[in-house]
C-alpha atoms as a PDB file:
ATOM      1  CA  MET A   1       0.000   0.000   0.000  1.00  0.00           C
ATOM      2  CA  GLY A   2       1.222   3.481  -0.804  1.00  0.00           C
ATOM      3  CA  ASN A   3       2.341   6.037   1.747  1.00  0.00           C
ATOM      4  CA  VAL A   4      -0.406   8.296   3.056  1.00  0.00           C
ATOM      5  CA  SER A   5       0.074  11.347   5.239  1.00  0.00           C
ATOM      6  CA  ILE A   6      -2.394  11.618   8.107  1.00  0.00           C
ATOM      7  CA  ASP A   7      -2.852  13.978  11.024  1.00  0.00           C
ATOM      8  CA  PRO A   8       0.048  13.514  13.504  1.00  0.00           C
ATOM      9  CA  GLU A   9      -2.364  13.266  16.451  1.00  0.00           C
ATOM     10  CA  ASP A  10      -4.306  10.526  14.671  1.00  0.00           C
ATOM     11  CA  ALA A  11      -1.061   8.714  13.875  1.00  0.00           C
ATOM     12  CA  ALA A  12      -0.030   8.815  17.527  1.00  0.00           C
ATOM     13  CA  VAL A  13      -3.344   7.287  18.643  1.00  0.00           C
ATOM     14  CA  LEU A  14      -3.206   4.572  15.983  1.00  0.00           C
ATOM     15  CA  ASP A  15       0.384   3.771  16.924  1.00  0.00           C
ATOM     16  CA  MET A  16      -0.685   3.167  20.528  1.00  0.00           C
ATOM     17  CA  ILE A  17      -3.096   0.499  19.288  1.00  0.00           C
ATOM     18  CA  VAL A  18      -0.849  -1.306  16.784  1.00  0.00           C
ATOM     19  CA  GLU A  19       2.494  -0.974  18.621  1.00  0.00           C
ATOM     20  CA  PRO A  20       2.601  -4.633  19.812  1.00  0.00           C
ATOM     21  CA  ALA A  21       2.770  -5.690  16.140  1.00  0.00           C
ATOM     22  CA  ALA A  22       5.848  -3.574  15.411  1.00  0.00           C
ATOM     23  CA  PRO A  23       8.852  -5.587  14.178  1.00  0.00           C
ATOM     24  CA  LYS A  24      10.954  -7.083  16.962  1.00  0.00           C
ATOM     25  CA  GLU A  25      14.123  -9.133  16.930  1.00  0.00           C
ATOM     26  CA  ARG A  26      13.749 -12.667  18.247  1.00  0.00           C
ATOM     27  CA  TYR A  27      16.779 -14.976  18.118  1.00  0.00           C
ATOM     28  CA  GLY A  28      18.355 -13.001  15.313  1.00  0.00           C
ATOM     29  CA  THR A  29      15.156 -12.817  13.213  1.00  0.00           C
ATOM     30  CA  ILE A  30      12.813  -9.858  12.796  1.00  0.00           C
ATOM     31  CA  VAL A  31       9.195 -10.885  13.477  1.00  0.00           C
ATOM     32  CA  ASN A  32       5.794  -9.202  13.932  1.00  0.00           C
ATOM     33  CA  GLU A  33       3.926 -10.671  16.883  1.00  0.00           C
ATOM     34  CA  GLY A  34       0.519  -9.012  16.544  1.00  0.00           C
ATOM     35  CA  PHE A  35      -1.890  -7.034  18.736  1.00  0.00           C
ATOM     36  CA  ARG A  36      -5.388  -7.616  20.171  1.00  0.00           C
ATOM     37  CA  PHE A  37      -7.814  -4.722  19.746  1.00  0.00           C
ATOM     38  CA  ILE A  38     -11.483  -4.470  20.751  1.00  0.00           C
ATOM     39  CA  ALA A  39     -13.584  -1.495  19.593  1.00  0.00           C
ATOM     40  CA  LEU A  40     -16.604  -1.076  21.843  1.00  0.00           C
ATOM     41  CA  GLY A  41     -19.571   1.212  21.316  1.00  0.00           C
ATOM     42  CA  GLU A  42     -23.157   1.548  20.200  1.00  0.00           C
ATOM     43  CA  SER A  43     -24.271   1.427  16.582  1.00  0.00           C
ATOM     44  CA  GLY A  44     -23.405   4.657  14.784  1.00  0.00           C
ATOM     45  CA  CYS A  45     -20.799   5.788  17.315  1.00  0.00           C
ATOM     46  CA  GLY A  46     -17.883   5.460  14.879  1.00  0.00           C
ATOM     47  CA  LYS A  47     -16.275   2.223  16.138  1.00  0.00           C
ATOM     48  CA  THR A  48     -16.265   0.619  12.680  1.00  0.00           C
ATOM     49  CA  ALA A  49     -14.594   3.681  11.149  1.00  0.00           C
ATOM     50  CA  LEU A  50     -11.961   3.482  13.887  1.00  0.00           C
ATOM     51  CA  MET A  51     -11.456  -0.242  13.345  1.00  0.00           C
ATOM     52  CA  ARG A  52     -11.183   0.188   9.579  1.00  0.00           C
ATOM     53  CA  THR A  53      -8.576   2.920  10.050  1.00  0.00           C
ATOM     54  CA  VAL A  54      -6.603   0.682  12.420  1.00  0.00           C
ATOM     55  CA  VAL A  55      -6.587  -2.117   9.830  1.00  0.00           C
ATOM     56  CA  TYR A  56      -5.367   0.146   7.023  1.00  0.00           C
ATOM     57  CA  TRP A  57      -2.796   1.730   9.334  1.00  0.00           C
ATOM     58  CA  THR A  58      -1.420  -1.701  10.247  1.00  0.00           C
ATOM     59  CA  LEU A  59      -1.013  -2.543   6.568  1.00  0.00           C
ATOM     60  CA  MET A  60       0.540   0.835   5.785  1.00  0.00           C
ATOM     61  CA  LYS A  61       3.064   0.376   8.594  1.00  0.00           C
ATOM     62  CA  GLN A  62       3.845  -3.061   7.113  1.00  0.00           C
ATOM     63  CA  TYR A  63       3.022  -4.702  10.432  1.00  0.00           C
ATOM     64  CA  ALA A  64       0.779  -7.056   8.446  1.00  0.00           C
ATOM     65  CA  ARG A  65       0.748  -8.231   4.843  1.00  0.00           C
ATOM     66  CA  PHE A  66      -3.001  -8.703   4.439  1.00  0.00           C
ATOM     67  CA  ALA A  67      -6.311  -8.564   6.314  1.00  0.00           C
ATOM     68  CA  LEU A  68      -9.196 -11.024   6.629  1.00  0.00           C
ATOM     69  CA  ILE A  69     -12.557  -9.470   7.536  1.00  0.00           C
ATOM     70  CA  HIS A  70     -15.632 -11.325   8.823  1.00  0.00           C
ATOM     71  CA  ASP A  71     -18.369  -8.892   7.790  1.00  0.00           C
ATOM     72  CA  THR A  72     -21.866 -10.370   7.529  1.00  0.00           C
ATOM     73  CA  LYS A  73     -24.061  -7.931   9.445  1.00  0.00           C
ATOM     74  CA  GLY A  74     -24.994  -5.125   7.092  1.00  0.00           C
ATOM     75  CA  VAL A  75     -26.357  -4.789   3.571  1.00  0.00           C
ATOM     76  CA  PHE A  76     -23.292  -2.779   2.589  1.00  0.00           C
ATOM     77  CA  PRO A  77     -19.694  -3.845   3.288  1.00  0.00           C
ATOM     78  CA  GLU A  78     -17.790  -2.172   6.106  1.00  0.00           C
ATOM     79  CA  TYR A  79     -14.652  -2.216   3.912  1.00  0.00           C
ATOM     80  CA  PRO A  80     -15.926  -1.016   0.518  1.00  0.00           C
ATOM     81  CA  LYS A  81     -12.492  -1.092  -1.139  1.00  0.00           C
ATOM     82  CA  SER A  82     -11.806  -4.672  -0.097  1.00  0.00           C
ATOM     83  CA  ILE A  83     -12.238  -7.755  -2.245  1.00  0.00           C
ATOM     84  CA  GLN A  84     -15.631  -9.191  -1.337  1.00  0.00           C
ATOM     85  CA  VAL A  85     -16.441 -12.894  -1.427  1.00  0.00           C
ATOM     86  CA  SER A  86     -19.207 -14.968   0.083  1.00  0.00           C
ATOM     87  CA  ASN A  87     -17.083 -17.565   1.874  1.00  0.00           C
ATOM     88  CA  ILE A  88     -13.687 -19.256   2.142  1.00  0.00           C
ATOM     89  CA  GLU A  89     -14.381 -21.598  -0.787  1.00  0.00           C
ATOM     90  CA  GLN A  90     -15.033 -18.699  -3.154  1.00  0.00           C
ATOM     91  CA  TRP A  91     -11.807 -17.060  -1.983  1.00  0.00           C
ATOM     92  CA  ARG A  92      -9.836 -20.239  -2.686  1.00  0.00           C
ATOM     93  CA  GLN A  93     -11.418 -20.448  -6.146  1.00  0.00           C
ATOM     94  CA  ARG A  94     -10.291 -16.895  -6.812  1.00  0.00           C
ATOM     95  CA  GLY A  95      -6.729 -17.915  -6.018  1.00  0.00           C
ATOM     96  CA  GLY A  96      -6.063 -15.310  -3.357  1.00  0.00           C
ATOM     97  CA  PHE A  97      -4.819 -11.782  -3.901  1.00  0.00           C
ATOM     98  CA  LYS A  98      -3.844 -10.608  -7.388  1.00  0.00           C
ATOM     99  CA  GLY A  99      -1.422  -7.930  -8.460  1.00  0.00           C
ATOM    100  CA  GLY A 100      -2.835  -4.483  -7.736  1.00  0.00           C
ATOM    101  CA  ASP A 101      -5.360  -5.695  -5.152  1.00  0.00           C
ATOM    102  CA  ILE A 102      -5.769  -3.854  -1.878  1.00  0.00           C
ATOM    103  CA  PRO A 103      -4.724  -6.714   0.431  1.00  0.00           C
ATOM    104  CA  ILE A 104      -8.027  -6.922   2.309  1.00  0.00           C
ATOM    105  CA  VAL A 105     -10.689  -9.578   1.748  1.00  0.00           C
ATOM    106  CA  SER A 106     -14.165  -9.397   3.273  1.00  0.00           C
ATOM    107  CA  PHE A 107     -16.111 -12.615   3.827  1.00  0.00           C
ATOM    108  CA  ARG A 108     -19.719 -11.481   3.475  1.00  0.00           C
ATOM    109  CA  GLY A 109     -21.917 -14.536   3.046  1.00  0.00           C
ATOM    110  CA  ASP A 110     -24.767 -14.336   0.521  1.00  0.00           C
ATOM    111  CA  ALA A 111     -28.321 -14.248   1.827  1.00  0.00           C
ATOM    112  CA  ARG A 112     -29.885 -14.669  -1.625  1.00  0.00           C
ATOM    113  CA  ALA A 113     -27.902 -17.841  -2.249  1.00  0.00           C
ATOM    114  CA  ASP A 114     -28.362 -18.992   1.371  1.00  0.00           C
ATOM    115  CA  ILE A 115     -24.595 -18.963   1.941  1.00  0.00           C
ATOM    116  CA  ASN A 116     -23.400 -18.291   5.470  1.00  0.00           C
ATOM    117  CA  VAL A 117     -19.872 -17.708   6.666  1.00  0.00           C
ATOM    118  CA  THR A 118     -19.154 -17.798  10.380  1.00  0.00           C
ATOM    119  CA  ALA A 119     -16.550 -16.097  12.532  1.00  0.00           C
ATOM    120  CA  GLU A 120     -15.235 -19.585  13.309  1.00  0.00           C
ATOM    121  CA  GLU A 121     -14.652 -20.322   9.613  1.00  0.00           C
ATOM    122  CA  VAL A 122     -12.775 -17.075   9.054  1.00  0.00           C
ATOM    123  CA  ALA A 123     -10.708 -17.621  12.208  1.00  0.00           C
ATOM    124  CA  ASN A 124      -9.869 -21.172  11.101  1.00  0.00           C
ATOM    125  CA  PHE A 125      -8.724 -19.837   7.740  1.00  0.00           C
ATOM    126  CA  SER A 126      -6.616 -17.228   9.533  1.00  0.00           C
ATOM    127  CA  LEU A 127      -4.935 -19.963  11.582  1.00  0.00           C
ATOM    128  CA  GLU A 128      -4.320 -21.946   8.397  1.00  0.00           C
ATOM    129  CA  GLN A 129      -2.608 -18.957   6.801  1.00  0.00           C
ATOM    130  CA  ALA A 130      -0.567 -18.388   9.960  1.00  0.00           C
ATOM    131  CA  ARG A 131       0.662 -21.999  10.099  1.00  0.00           C
ATOM    132  CA  GLN A 132       1.840 -21.867   6.493  1.00  0.00           C
ATOM    133  CA  GLY A 133       4.205 -18.973   7.190  1.00  0.00           C
ATOM    134  CA  MET A 134       7.267 -18.769   4.992  1.00  0.00           C
ATOM    135  CA  THR A 135      10.799 -20.137   4.962  1.00  0.00           C
ATOM    136  CA  LEU A 136      13.723 -17.710   4.839  1.00  0.00           C
ATOM    137  CA  PRO A 137      16.743 -18.323   2.562  1.00  0.00           C
ATOM    138  CA  GLY A 138      18.623 -19.765   5.551  1.00  0.00           C
ATOM    139  CA  GLY A 139      15.893 -22.338   6.098  1.00  0.00           C
ATOM    140  CA  GLN A 140      14.266 -20.694   9.119  1.00  0.00           C
ATOM    141  CA  TRP A 141      10.467 -20.655   9.264  1.00  0.00           C
ATOM    142  CA  VAL A 142       8.796 -17.357  10.172  1.00  0.00           C
ATOM    143  CA  PRO A 143       5.112 -16.369  10.297  1.00  0.00           C
ATOM    144  CA  VAL A 144       3.494 -14.181   7.660  1.00  0.00           C
ATOM    145  CA  PRO A 145       1.836 -11.432   9.715  1.00  0.00           C
ATOM    146  CA  HIS A 146      -1.770 -10.550   9.012  1.00  0.00           C
ATOM    147  CA  VAL A 147      -4.858  -9.011  10.628  1.00  0.00           C
ATOM    148  CA  THR A 148      -8.146 -10.810  11.249  1.00  0.00           C
ATOM    149  CA  VAL A 149     -11.267  -8.785  12.065  1.00  0.00           C
ATOM    150  CA  ILE A 150     -14.384 -10.252  13.682  1.00  0.00           C
ATOM    151  CA  GLU A 151     -17.281  -7.821  13.376  1.00  0.00           C
ATOM    152  CA  GLU A 152     -19.661  -8.157  16.342  1.00  0.00           C
ATOM    153  CA  VAL A 153     -17.745 -10.710  18.389  1.00  0.00           C
ATOM    154  CA  SER A 154     -20.790 -11.436  20.595  1.00  0.00           C
ATOM    155  CA  GLU A 155     -21.969 -13.784  17.834  1.00  0.00           C
ATOM    156  CA  ALA A 156     -18.949 -15.981  18.582  1.00  0.00           C
ATOM    157  CA  ALA A 157     -19.639 -15.971  22.325  1.00  0.00           C
ATOM    158  CA  THR A 158     -21.484 -18.337  24.652  1.00  0.00           C
ATOM    159  CA  GLU A 159     -24.990 -17.641  25.878  1.00  0.00           C
ATOM    160  CA  GLY A 160     -24.662 -14.863  28.405  1.00  0.00           C
ATOM    161  CA  ARG A 161     -21.544 -13.599  26.559  1.00  0.00           C
ATOM    162  CA  LYS A 162     -19.193 -14.857  29.264  1.00  0.00           C
ATOM    163  CA  ARG A 163     -16.763 -16.746  27.018  1.00  0.00           C
ATOM    164  CA  VAL A 164     -15.766 -17.161  23.370  1.00  0.00           C
ATOM    165  CA  LYS A 165     -17.466 -20.348  22.152  1.00  0.00           C
ATOM    166  CA  ALA A 166     -15.795 -20.419  18.714  1.00  0.00           C
ATOM    167  CA  PRO A 167     -12.588 -22.462  19.271  1.00  0.00           C
ATOM    168  CA  ALA A 168     -10.612 -20.906  16.415  1.00  0.00           C
ATOM    169  CA  VAL A 169     -11.495 -17.363  17.508  1.00  0.00           C
ATOM    170  CA  LEU A 170     -10.346 -18.186  21.035  1.00  0.00           C
ATOM    171  CA  LYS A 171      -7.137 -19.748  19.718  1.00  0.00           C
ATOM    172  CA  LEU A 172      -6.411 -16.615  17.700  1.00  0.00           C
ATOM    173  CA  ALA A 173      -6.886 -14.547  20.839  1.00  0.00           C
ATOM    174  CA  GLU A 174      -4.701 -16.754  23.007  1.00  0.00           C
ATOM    175  CA  GLN A 175      -2.027 -18.023  20.605  1.00  0.00           C
ATOM    176  CA  GLY A 176      -2.296 -16.150  17.312  1.00  0.00           C
ATOM    177  CA  ARG A 177       0.133 -13.444  18.353  1.00  0.00           C
ATOM    178  CA  LYS A 178       3.101 -15.810  18.296  1.00  0.00           C
ATOM    179  CA  MET A 179       2.082 -16.752  14.749  1.00  0.00           C
ATOM    180  CA  GLY A 180       2.016 -13.119  13.653  1.00  0.00           C
ATOM    181  CA  VAL A 181      -1.763 -12.660  13.698  1.00  0.00           C
ATOM    182  CA  SER A 182      -3.323  -9.448  14.978  1.00  0.00           C
ATOM    183  CA  LEU A 183      -6.932  -9.936  16.081  1.00  0.00           C
ATOM    184  CA  CYS A 184      -9.513  -7.140  16.020  1.00  0.00           C
ATOM    185  CA  ALA A 185     -13.119  -7.324  17.178  1.00  0.00           C
ATOM    186  CA  THR A 186     -16.083  -5.017  17.597  1.00  0.00           C
ATOM    187  CA  THR A 187     -19.097  -5.222  19.879  1.00  0.00           C
ATOM    188  CA  GLN A 188     -21.898  -2.858  20.811  1.00  0.00           C
ATOM    189  CA  GLU A 189     -22.238  -3.405  24.559  1.00  0.00           C
ATOM    190  CA  THR A 190     -19.795  -4.009  27.403  1.00  0.00           C
ATOM    191  CA  ILE A 191     -21.835  -6.989  28.579  1.00  0.00           C
ATOM    192  CA  ASN A 192     -21.347  -8.590  25.145  1.00  0.00           C
ATOM    193  CA  MET A 193     -17.551  -8.475  25.421  1.00  0.00           C
ATOM    194  CA  PRO A 194     -16.420 -12.025  26.322  1.00  0.00           C
ATOM    195  CA  ALA A 195     -14.222 -12.038  29.421  1.00  0.00           C
ATOM    196  CA  ASP A 196     -11.579 -14.321  27.917  1.00  0.00           C
ATOM    197  CA  LEU A 197     -11.212 -12.067  24.876  1.00  0.00           C
ATOM    198  CA  ARG A 198     -11.081  -8.961  27.047  1.00  0.00           C
ATOM    199  CA  SER A 199      -8.286 -10.502  29.123  1.00  0.00           C
ATOM    200  CA  GLN A 200      -6.198 -11.015  25.976  1.00  0.00           C
ATOM    201  CA  ALA A 201      -6.758  -7.512  24.567  1.00  0.00           C
ATOM    202  CA  THR A 202      -3.751  -5.231  24.263  1.00  0.00           C
ATOM    203  CA  ALA A 203      -6.023  -2.244  23.561  1.00  0.00           C
ATOM    204  CA  ILE A 204      -9.718  -1.473  24.006  1.00  0.00           C
ATOM    205  CA  SER A 205     -11.497   1.620  22.719  1.00  0.00           C
ATOM    206  CA  PHE A 206     -14.673   2.786  24.442  1.00  0.00           C
ATOM    207  CA  GLY A 207     -17.023   4.870  22.326  1.00  0.00           C
ATOM    208  CA  ARG A 208     -20.568   5.967  23.057  1.00  0.00           C
ATOM    209  CA  LEU A 209     -22.276   3.711  25.620  1.00  0.00           C
ATOM    210  CA  THR A 210     -25.567   4.220  27.448  1.00  0.00           C
ATOM    211  CA  GLY A 211     -27.942   2.304  29.696  1.00  0.00           C
ATOM    212  CA  ILE A 212     -26.889  -1.051  31.140  1.00  0.00           C
ATOM    213  CA  SER A 213     -23.511  -0.904  29.374  1.00  0.00           C
ATOM    214  CA  LEU A 214     -22.519   2.011  31.611  1.00  0.00           C
ATOM    215  CA  ASN A 215     -23.401   0.050  34.749  1.00  0.00           C
ATOM    216  CA  TYR A 216     -21.279  -2.878  33.581  1.00  0.00           C
ATOM    217  CA  LEU A 217     -18.188  -0.673  33.303  1.00  0.00           C
ATOM    218  CA  ASN A 218     -17.746  -0.990  37.054  1.00  0.00           C
ATOM    219  CA  ASN A 219     -17.144  -4.746  36.622  1.00  0.00           C
ATOM    220  CA  ILE A 220     -14.121  -4.566  34.315  1.00  0.00           C
ATOM    221  CA  ASN A 221     -11.473  -2.856  36.445  1.00  0.00           C
ATOM    222  CA  LEU A 222     -11.004   0.420  34.580  1.00  0.00           C
ATOM    223  CA  PRO A 223      -9.479   3.565  36.108  1.00  0.00           C
ATOM    224  CA  PRO A 224     -12.302   5.437  37.909  1.00  0.00           C
ATOM    225  CA  GLY A 225     -11.599   8.654  36.030  1.00  0.00           C
ATOM    226  CA  MET A 226     -11.862   6.814  32.728  1.00  0.00           C
ATOM    227  CA  VAL A 227     -15.231   5.354  33.730  1.00  0.00           C
ATOM    228  CA  ASP A 228     -16.513   8.827  34.613  1.00  0.00           C
ATOM    229  CA  VAL A 229     -15.495  10.150  31.188  1.00  0.00           C
ATOM    230  CA  ILE A 230     -17.129   7.224  29.354  1.00  0.00           C
ATOM    231  CA  LYS A 231     -20.363   7.762  31.289  1.00  0.00           C
ATOM    232  CA  GLY A 232     -20.376  11.456  30.427  1.00  0.00           C
ATOM    233  CA  PRO A 233     -22.559  14.158  31.962  1.00  0.00           C
ATOM    234  CA  ASN A 234     -25.771  12.728  33.444  1.00  0.00           C
ATOM    235  CA  ASN A 235     -24.817   9.234  32.205  1.00  0.00           C
ATOM    236  CA  GLY A 236     -25.423  10.349  28.640  1.00  0.00           C
ATOM    237  CA  GLY A 237     -22.284   8.735  27.272  1.00  0.00           C
ATOM    238  CA  LEU A 238     -19.645  10.188  24.976  1.00  0.00           C
ATOM    239  CA  PRO A 239     -20.638  12.018  21.783  1.00  0.00           C
ATOM    240  CA  ASN A 240     -20.571   9.896  18.637  1.00  0.00           C
ATOM    241  CA  TYR A 241     -17.047   9.509  17.177  1.00  0.00           C
ATOM    242  CA  ASP A 242     -15.358  10.328  20.493  1.00  0.00           C
ATOM    243  CA  PHE A 243     -13.563   7.466  22.254  1.00  0.00           C
ATOM    244  CA  VAL A 244     -11.161   6.770  25.076  1.00  0.00           C
ATOM    245  CA  LEU A 245      -8.408   4.195  24.840  1.00  0.00           C
ATOM    246  CA  TYR A 246      -7.291   1.587  27.372  1.00  0.00           C
ATOM    247  CA  ILE A 247      -3.773   0.227  26.718  1.00  0.00           C
ATOM    248  CA  LYS A 248      -2.927  -2.921  28.647  1.00  0.00           C
ATOM    249  CA  GLY A 249       0.456  -3.220  30.337  1.00  0.00           C
ATOM    250  CA  LYS A 250       1.145   0.466  30.883  1.00  0.00           C
ATOM    251  CA  ASN A 251       1.571   1.982  34.337  1.00  0.00           C
ATOM    252  CA  GLU A 252      -1.162   4.409  33.308  1.00  0.00           C
ATOM    253  CA  PRO A 253      -3.421   2.420  30.953  1.00  0.00           C
ATOM    254  CA  TRP A 254      -5.520   5.493  30.145  1.00  0.00           C
ATOM    255  CA  ASP A 255      -3.757   8.597  28.835  1.00  0.00           C
ATOM    256  CA  GLY A 256      -6.414  10.871  30.336  1.00  0.00           C
ATOM    257  CA  LYS A 257      -7.634  12.007  26.919  1.00  0.00           C
ATOM    258  CA  ILE A 258     -10.753  11.802  24.798  1.00  0.00           C
ATOM    259  CA  HIS A 259      -9.815  11.064  21.195  1.00  0.00           C
ATOM    260  CA  ARG A 260     -11.529  11.634  17.873  1.00  0.00           C
ATOM    261  CA  LEU A 261     -10.000  10.807  14.505  1.00  0.00           C
ATOM    262  CA  SER A 262     -10.113  13.681  12.031  1.00  0.00           C
ATOM    263  CA  ARG A 263     -12.693  13.468   9.270  1.00  0.00           C
ATOM    264  CA  ARG A 264      -9.864  13.617   6.722  1.00  0.00           C
ATOM    265  CA  THR A 265      -8.183  10.528   8.200  1.00  0.00           C
ATOM    266  CA  VAL A 266     -11.405   8.522   8.339  1.00  0.00           C
ATOM    267  CA  ALA A 267     -12.376   9.496   4.780  1.00  0.00           C
ATOM    268  CA  MET A 268      -9.108   8.129   3.375  1.00  0.00           C
ATOM    269  CA  PHE A 269     -10.195   4.583   4.114  1.00  0.00           C
ATOM    270  CA  GLU A 270     -13.923   4.638   3.474  1.00  0.00           C
END
């Protein structure tokens, strides 16, 4: 993908999310280990635009070579510039990416043809791609880094949303990083965020939340000041397109800021 200049403040926020996938030296070899990002917020709050920007940013930084998107919810694709296929079989028949393709494929299903594609199937395919990897001239095997996106991860969760029920999705969350896979997921309510996926997340964005989702914030061990900001005045939540960012592993996991990507940055990847 070509170089694109974006707002420096936007770049800094995106870098906080994707940093775990930056190249690192391991035993004399440069590898990309992947990140885990959950974008949380109500419909229309801007979480999909944020997620899409994160995916493109990861590719632009060359932290991943391609992206696999499970996108079956809406009539229109969340990644309009991606290659769109109904399922894994159709993608195999296509023969993968061609010269000049934007390296993003969306698995959409096809309601008219009664073709479904599940998060589990896309995650299994992601694991298959990760296991293939590539062999360096010296004979050493290394993973081929990529990003897998599960839109509305609650559909891959158990009843009550306590755990991830899709084995391949859970394996990506727990073990995919060492195979170079970055995993991204969206969900609309805090109660729909599976605990085992949340525990693996390296970054979580919180957009507009109202109602019961605000009450549930007290159960997930966030900094009190961050919770107050997410709840907003009179428990009205954040304005649409605003979000706060929790970064796991930092002494101060919240930077104390409310973020909003510029319209120019978001428009680049629509």
